Amino acid sequence: ASNLNENGDQNFCRAWSNIGQCRTFTSICLVLSFIHELLLSMRTTTTREVYYVFVTHFRSQSECDRTILDVAKVLGVSRRSLGLSASPKGWFCGCVEITRRGTLPSGKDVNGTIDGTALSSIQGLPITREWIERDEEGRNEQGVEISVRSKDAKCILVIEKEGVFNRLSEERLYDRFPCILVTGKGFPDLCTRALVKTLHEELDLPVLGLCDMNPYGISVLSVYFCAGDRMGVDGNYRYSVPIEWMGLRPTCFKELHEKHRLPNTVFQALTDLDKKRMDSLTDEMSPYLDEDEKEEVAEEMKYKVELEALYWLGA
């Protein structure tokens, strides 16, 4: 077996003589050739373009994305260093102002402030790559200074699901409870994690996580704390924030059910994959949940419930 990662990551080990891994090596070589040409031409692009360039090879975008992560690990660099970025995925809104000061190389003036409460759509503001480009002085690669200011926000509320985010944004939750709403629409991309870390550190705000009452939802929140080895230098504790699991929690839901007697249709059986995720989350080596939370998941999470079930209560 040959470990392709010079950092000694045992999670990325390939046998060159294994014919069953020929496709993996072919994929890596194709992506490496694309990146080589991309960097020589001093361009950047999205991971979506890589997929379409080799659309007759890759079976899906996710297979292409996994190969790009493998290439980054082989080279020991971030995906951004490869000249690649994902299309904007996350959204945010609420009690925050984003100010940009500077001039683009083209001469265009970009001075201005965006109010996170003045929304043109319920989705809020897209989370772009400027948050991973931003240096210690707050400037992006084009020299534009980007600063953030809280409008009396009390916390950053990270929401697993886009639908729930849209509901809270549409109802302007932040007017009643000053906060900043963020969603990565499931597992967050680098830009979303970078934005949450920026808001947490520069505004000194706690980060709270809201997800479905199931192992998948907790796994989504855990990525904001530790992204794992799979993402190479972009994983583990890069952009890590101490995110508190606020809900939907088994103990809180149990009290709600006893009080309001929710219909049986809101309860869903745990699948085998759910149980595997649960075992991973409650493993003693798992870094996200504390011991009391692990015990709560192991002993109280006997079924799944989605956040939307609370709509039945008029929430």
Protein backbone atom coordinates (compact mmCIF):
# COMPACT_ATOMS: atom_id res chain seq x y z
CA ALA A 1 0.00 0.00 0.00
CA SER A 2 1.17 3.50 -0.74
CA ASN A 3 0.16 6.50 1.33
CA LEU A 4 -0.21 9.40 -1.09
CA ASN A 5 -0.47 12.02 1.62
CA GLU A 6 2.95 13.15 2.83
CA ASN A 7 1.31 14.18 6.11
CA GLY A 8 0.76 10.51 6.90
CA ASP A 9 -3.03 10.56 6.84
CA GLN A 10 -4.07 6.92 7.14
CA ASN A 11 -7.54 7.76 5.84
CA PHE A 12 -6.08 8.37 2.40
CA CYS A 13 -4.24 5.23 1.38
CA ARG A 14 -4.25 3.74 -2.12
CA ALA A 15 -2.62 0.60 -3.51
CA TRP A 16 -1.03 1.38 -6.86
CA SER A 17 -1.15 -2.30 -7.86
CA ASN A 18 -4.88 -2.65 -7.10
CA ILE A 19 -6.74 -2.75 -10.41
CA GLY A 20 -9.94 -1.92 -8.57
CA GLN A 21 -8.54 1.58 -7.87
CA CYS A 22 -7.67 2.40 -11.47
CA ARG A 23 -10.68 4.68 -11.71
CA THR A 24 -9.59 6.59 -8.61
CA PHE A 25 -6.11 7.23 -10.04
CA THR A 26 -7.55 8.18 -13.42
CA SER A 27 -9.82 10.72 -11.74
CA ILE A 28 -6.93 12.18 -9.78
CA CYS A 29 -4.77 12.50 -12.90
CA LEU A 30 -7.57 14.20 -14.85
CA VAL A 31 -8.15 16.76 -12.11
CA LEU A 32 -4.41 17.35 -11.70
CA SER A 33 -4.08 18.06 -15.44
CA PHE A 34 -6.99 20.52 -15.30
CA ILE A 35 -5.53 22.32 -12.28
CA HIS A 36 -2.10 22.50 -13.90
CA GLU A 37 -3.53 24.29 -16.94
CA LEU A 38 -5.72 26.48 -14.74
CA LEU A 39 -2.82 27.72 -12.62
CA LEU A 40 -0.55 28.24 -15.63
CA SER A 41 -3.21 30.49 -17.17
CA MET A 42 -3.58 32.32 -13.80
CA ARG A 43 -7.33 31.70 -13.75
CA THR A 44 -9.76 30.51 -11.10
CA THR A 45 -13.00 28.64 -11.58
CA THR A 46 -15.67 26.62 -9.80
CA THR A 47 -15.74 22.92 -9.05
CA ARG A 48 -18.80 22.77 -11.30
CA GLU A 49 -16.65 23.58 -14.35
CA VAL A 50 -14.29 20.71 -13.51
CA TYR A 51 -17.25 18.33 -13.52
CA TYR A 52 -18.50 19.49 -16.92
CA VAL A 53 -15.03 19.37 -18.49
CA PHE A 54 -14.88 15.68 -17.57
CA VAL A 55 -18.62 14.99 -17.63
CA THR A 56 -18.11 11.79 -19.66
CA HIS A 57 -15.83 10.44 -16.89
CA PHE A 58 -17.37 11.50 -13.59
CA ARG A 59 -20.67 9.86 -12.68
CA SER A 60 -21.78 12.82 -10.57
CA GLN A 61 -20.71 16.18 -9.15
CA SER A 62 -20.14 14.56 -5.77
CA GLU A 63 -17.65 12.08 -7.28
CA CYS A 64 -15.80 14.99 -8.87
CA ASP A 65 -15.81 16.91 -5.57
CA ARG A 66 -14.36 13.90 -3.72
CA THR A 67 -11.55 13.68 -6.27
CA ILE A 68 -10.76 17.39 -5.84
CA LEU A 69 -10.49 16.83 -2.08
CA ASP A 70 -8.17 13.87 -2.72
CA VAL A 71 -5.95 16.03 -4.96
CA ALA A 72 -5.79 18.74 -2.30
CA LYS A 73 -4.74 16.14 0.26
CA VAL A 74 -2.11 14.67 -2.08
CA LEU A 75 -0.58 18.12 -2.53
CA GLY A 76 -1.14 19.17 1.09
CA VAL A 77 -2.84 22.44 0.12
CA SER A 78 -6.28 24.00 0.40
CA ARG A 79 -8.84 23.80 -2.42
CA ARG A 80 -8.53 27.55 -2.83
CA SER A 81 -4.81 27.13 -3.58
CA LEU A 82 -5.82 24.94 -6.53
CA GLY A 83 -7.73 27.86 -8.04
CA LEU A 84 -11.06 26.15 -7.35
CA SER A 85 -14.10 27.22 -5.37
CA ALA A 86 -17.60 25.90 -4.95
CA SER A 87 -20.57 27.90 -6.18
CA PRO A 88 -22.12 29.98 -3.36
CA LYS A 89 -24.24 27.71 -1.18
CA GLY A 90 -24.97 29.37 2.15
CA TRP A 91 -27.11 32.37 3.09
CA PHE A 92 -27.24 34.79 6.00
CA CYS A 93 -29.28 37.75 7.27
CA GLY A 94 -30.13 39.57 10.47
CA CYS A 95 -28.60 42.11 12.79
CA VAL A 96 -25.30 42.70 11.03
CA GLU A 97 -23.80 45.24 8.63
CA ILE A 98 -21.17 44.40 6.02
CA THR A 99 -19.05 47.35 4.84
CA ARG A 100 -16.72 47.25 1.85
CA ARG A 101 -14.14 49.94 1.17
CA GLY A 102 -11.80 50.04 -1.80
CA THR A 103 -11.40 50.03 -5.54
CA LEU A 104 -11.24 46.99 -7.80
CA PRO A 105 -8.30 46.58 -10.24
CA SER A 106 -10.75 47.61 -12.99
CA GLY A 107 -11.18 50.97 -11.28
CA LYS A 108 -14.70 50.32 -10.03
CA ASP A 109 -15.49 51.85 -6.64
CA VAL A 110 -17.04 49.32 -4.24
CA ASN A 111 -17.50 51.51 -1.17
CA GLY A 112 -20.78 50.78 0.56
CA THR A 113 -22.63 49.10 3.44
CA ILE A 114 -25.15 46.27 3.29
CA ASP A 115 -27.73 45.96 6.07
CA GLY A 116 -28.55 42.34 6.91
CA THR A 117 -32.09 43.28 7.88
CA ALA A 118 -32.91 45.07 4.61
CA LEU A 119 -33.71 42.02 2.54
CA SER A 120 -34.72 41.91 -1.10
CA SER A 121 -35.67 38.22 -0.71
CA ILE A 122 -36.34 35.80 2.13
CA GLN A 123 -33.06 34.05 1.36
CA GLY A 124 -31.04 37.01 2.57
CA LEU A 125 -27.45 37.48 1.40
CA PRO A 126 -25.36 34.82 -0.36
CA ILE A 127 -22.18 33.68 1.37
CA THR A 128 -19.41 34.08 -1.19
CA ARG A 129 -15.73 33.17 -1.37
CA GLU A 130 -14.68 36.62 -0.09
CA TRP A 131 -14.86 35.18 3.45
CA ILE A 132 -12.10 32.65 2.76
CA GLU A 133 -10.06 35.20 0.76
CA ARG A 134 -10.16 37.76 3.57
CA ASP A 135 -6.77 38.20 5.27
CA GLU A 136 -5.91 39.20 8.84
CA GLU A 137 -6.34 42.88 7.94
CA GLY A 138 -9.79 42.23 6.57
CA ARG A 139 -8.89 42.62 2.89
CA ASN A 140 -9.77 40.25 0.07
CA GLU A 141 -7.50 39.27 -2.81
CA GLN A 142 -8.48 42.41 -4.74
CA GLY A 143 -7.48 44.69 -1.87
CA VAL A 144 -11.03 45.57 -0.82
CA GLU A 145 -11.46 45.97 2.93
CA ILE A 146 -14.44 44.04 4.34
CA SER A 147 -15.61 44.79 7.86
CA VAL A 148 -18.51 43.50 9.95
CA ARG A 149 -20.53 45.32 12.60
CA SER A 150 -23.19 43.94 14.91
CA LYS A 151 -26.54 45.70 15.21
CA ASP A 152 -27.06 44.59 18.82
CA ALA A 153 -27.10 40.90 17.86
CA LYS A 154 -27.12 38.51 20.80
CA CYS A 155 -25.99 35.39 18.98
CA ILE A 156 -25.36 33.66 15.66
CA LEU A 157 -28.08 31.11 14.95
CA VAL A 158 -26.85 28.42 12.56
CA ILE A 159 -29.76 26.56 10.96
CA GLU A 160 -29.35 23.17 9.31
CA LYS A 161 -32.21 23.43 6.82
CA GLU A 162 -32.82 26.07 4.16
CA GLY A 163 -36.61 25.80 4.55
CA VAL A 164 -36.49 26.60 8.26
CA PHE A 165 -34.03 29.43 7.60
CA ASN A 166 -36.42 30.90 5.01
CA ARG A 167 -39.32 30.67 7.46
CA LEU A 168 -37.43 32.49 10.23
CA SER A 169 -36.08 35.05 7.75
CA GLU A 170 -39.53 35.71 6.29
CA GLU A 171 -40.97 36.20 9.77
CA ARG A 172 -38.00 38.46 10.63
CA LEU A 173 -37.10 36.62 13.81
CA TYR A 174 -34.19 39.00 14.29
CA ASP A 175 -36.63 41.91 14.88
CA ARG A 176 -38.03 40.15 17.96
CA PHE A 177 -34.79 38.49 19.04
CA PRO A 178 -31.68 40.31 17.76
CA CYS A 179 -29.52 37.68 16.07
CA ILE A 180 -27.75 36.72 12.86
CA LEU A 181 -29.28 33.82 10.93
CA VAL A 182 -27.00 31.55 8.89
CA THR A 183 -27.64 28.39 6.89
CA GLY A 184 -25.26 26.18 4.94
CA LYS A 185 -28.23 24.27 3.48
CA GLY A 186 -27.11 21.03 5.08
CA PHE A 187 -23.39 20.36 5.46
CA PRO A 188 -21.68 23.77 5.18
CA ASP A 189 -19.13 24.70 2.55
CA LEU A 190 -15.85 26.46 3.33
CA CYS A 191 -17.31 29.92 2.75
CA THR A 192 -20.12 29.39 5.26
CA ARG A 193 -17.75 28.04 7.89
CA ALA A 194 -15.39 30.98 7.30
CA LEU A 195 -18.23 33.52 7.66
CA VAL A 196 -19.46 31.98 10.93
CA LYS A 197 -15.92 32.02 12.34
CA THR A 198 -15.48 35.67 11.29
CA LEU A 199 -18.74 36.72 12.93
CA HIS A 200 -17.97 34.72 16.07
CA GLU A 201 -14.47 36.09 16.55
CA GLU A 202 -14.88 39.70 15.42
CA LEU A 203 -18.29 40.33 16.98
CA ASP A 204 -17.65 38.14 20.04
CA LEU A 205 -20.99 36.36 19.65
CA PRO A 206 -21.94 32.83 20.77
CA VAL A 207 -22.90 30.33 18.06
CA LEU A 208 -26.08 28.28 18.51
CA GLY A 209 -27.10 25.39 16.27
CA LEU A 210 -30.65 24.43 15.28
CA CYS A 211 -31.22 21.11 13.49
CA ASP A 212 -33.64 18.22 13.09
CA MET A 213 -33.78 15.77 15.97
CA ASN A 214 -31.77 13.11 14.20
CA PRO A 215 -28.12 12.02 13.94
CA TYR A 216 -27.75 13.64 10.50
CA GLY A 217 -28.68 17.09 11.84
CA ILE A 218 -26.22 16.83 14.73
CA SER A 219 -23.54 15.74 12.24
CA VAL A 220 -24.18 18.93 10.23
CA LEU A 221 -23.62 21.08 13.33
CA SER A 222 -20.49 19.13 14.24
CA VAL A 223 -18.80 20.19 10.97
CA TYR A 224 -18.80 23.81 12.18
CA PHE A 225 -16.75 22.60 15.16
CA CYS A 226 -14.55 20.01 13.43
CA ALA A 227 -14.74 19.23 9.71
CA GLY A 228 -12.72 16.01 9.95
CA ASP A 229 -9.72 14.66 8.05
CA ARG A 230 -11.52 14.09 4.74
CA MET A 231 -11.09 17.74 3.69
CA GLY A 232 -7.33 17.85 4.23
CA VAL A 233 -5.98 21.25 5.29
CA ASP A 234 -9.48 22.72 4.90
CA GLY A 235 -10.84 20.24 7.44
CA ASN A 236 -10.36 19.43 11.11
CA TYR A 237 -10.34 22.63 13.18
CA ARG A 238 -9.84 25.16 10.41
CA TYR A 239 -12.67 27.71 10.75
CA SER A 240 -13.73 25.92 13.95
CA VAL A 241 -16.25 27.60 16.24
CA PRO A 242 -17.70 26.40 19.58
CA ILE A 243 -21.26 25.77 18.36
CA GLU A 244 -23.82 24.84 21.00
CA TRP A 245 -26.44 22.23 20.13
CA MET A 246 -29.58 24.20 20.98
CA GLY A 247 -32.18 21.90 19.44
CA LEU A 248 -34.20 20.10 18.46
CA ARG A 249 -33.07 17.97 21.43
CA PRO A 250 -34.64 14.71 22.60
CA THR A 251 -35.13 15.88 26.19
CA CYS A 252 -36.82 19.13 25.13
CA PHE A 253 -38.99 17.39 22.55
CA LYS A 254 -40.07 14.81 25.10
CA GLU A 255 -41.44 17.61 27.28
CA LEU A 256 -43.18 19.21 24.29
CA HIS A 257 -44.83 15.93 23.35
CA GLU A 258 -46.02 15.26 26.88
CA LYS A 259 -47.57 18.71 27.03
CA HIS A 260 -49.08 18.99 23.54
CA ARG A 261 -49.46 15.35 22.37
CA LEU A 262 -48.08 15.73 18.86
CA PRO A 263 -49.57 13.47 16.16
CA ASN A 264 -47.86 10.12 15.57
CA THR A 265 -47.05 11.11 11.98
CA VAL A 266 -44.23 13.41 13.13
CA PHE A 267 -42.24 10.47 14.51
CA GLN A 268 -39.94 8.63 12.10
CA ALA A 269 -38.06 5.40 12.72
CA LEU A 270 -34.26 5.48 12.85
CA THR A 271 -32.61 3.79 9.85
CA ASP A 272 -29.49 1.64 9.98
CA LEU A 273 -27.51 4.62 8.64
CA ASP A 274 -28.94 6.81 11.42
CA LYS A 275 -27.82 4.28 14.01
CA LYS A 276 -24.31 4.22 12.52
CA ARG A 277 -24.15 8.01 12.65
CA MET A 278 -25.37 7.89 16.24
CA ASP A 279 -22.63 5.43 17.19
CA SER A 280 -20.06 7.74 15.59
CA LEU A 281 -21.39 10.83 17.40
CA THR A 282 -21.43 9.09 20.79
CA ASP A 283 -18.03 7.44 20.40
CA GLU A 284 -15.65 8.51 23.16
CA MET A 285 -13.24 9.87 20.52
CA SER A 286 -15.88 12.03 18.86
CA PRO A 287 -14.92 15.67 19.59
CA TYR A 288 -18.22 17.56 19.25
CA LEU A 289 -20.72 16.46 21.91
CA ASP A 290 -19.86 16.50 25.62
CA GLU A 291 -20.49 13.44 27.80
CA ASP A 292 -23.98 14.54 28.91
CA GLU A 293 -25.01 15.23 25.30
CA LYS A 294 -23.65 11.86 24.15
CA GLU A 295 -25.67 10.17 26.88
CA GLU A 296 -28.77 12.09 25.82
CA VAL A 297 -28.36 10.99 22.19
CA ALA A 298 -27.65 7.37 23.10
CA GLU A 299 -30.49 6.98 25.59
CA GLU A 300 -33.21 9.42 24.51
CA MET A 301 -33.05 9.53 20.70
CA LYS A 302 -35.35 6.59 19.94
CA TYR A 303 -36.87 8.17 16.81
CA LYS A 304 -36.43 11.09 14.42
CA VAL A 305 -38.41 14.35 14.34
CA GLU A 306 -37.99 17.19 11.85
CA LEU A 307 -37.99 20.85 12.88
CA GLU A 308 -41.05 21.43 10.68
CA ALA A 309 -43.05 19.31 13.15
CA LEU A 310 -43.10 22.35 15.42
CA TYR A 311 -45.28 24.15 12.86
CA TRP A 312 -48.11 21.95 14.18
CA LEU A 313 -47.81 23.88 17.45
CA GLY A 314 -48.13 27.16 15.57
CA ALA A 315 -44.42 27.86 16.09
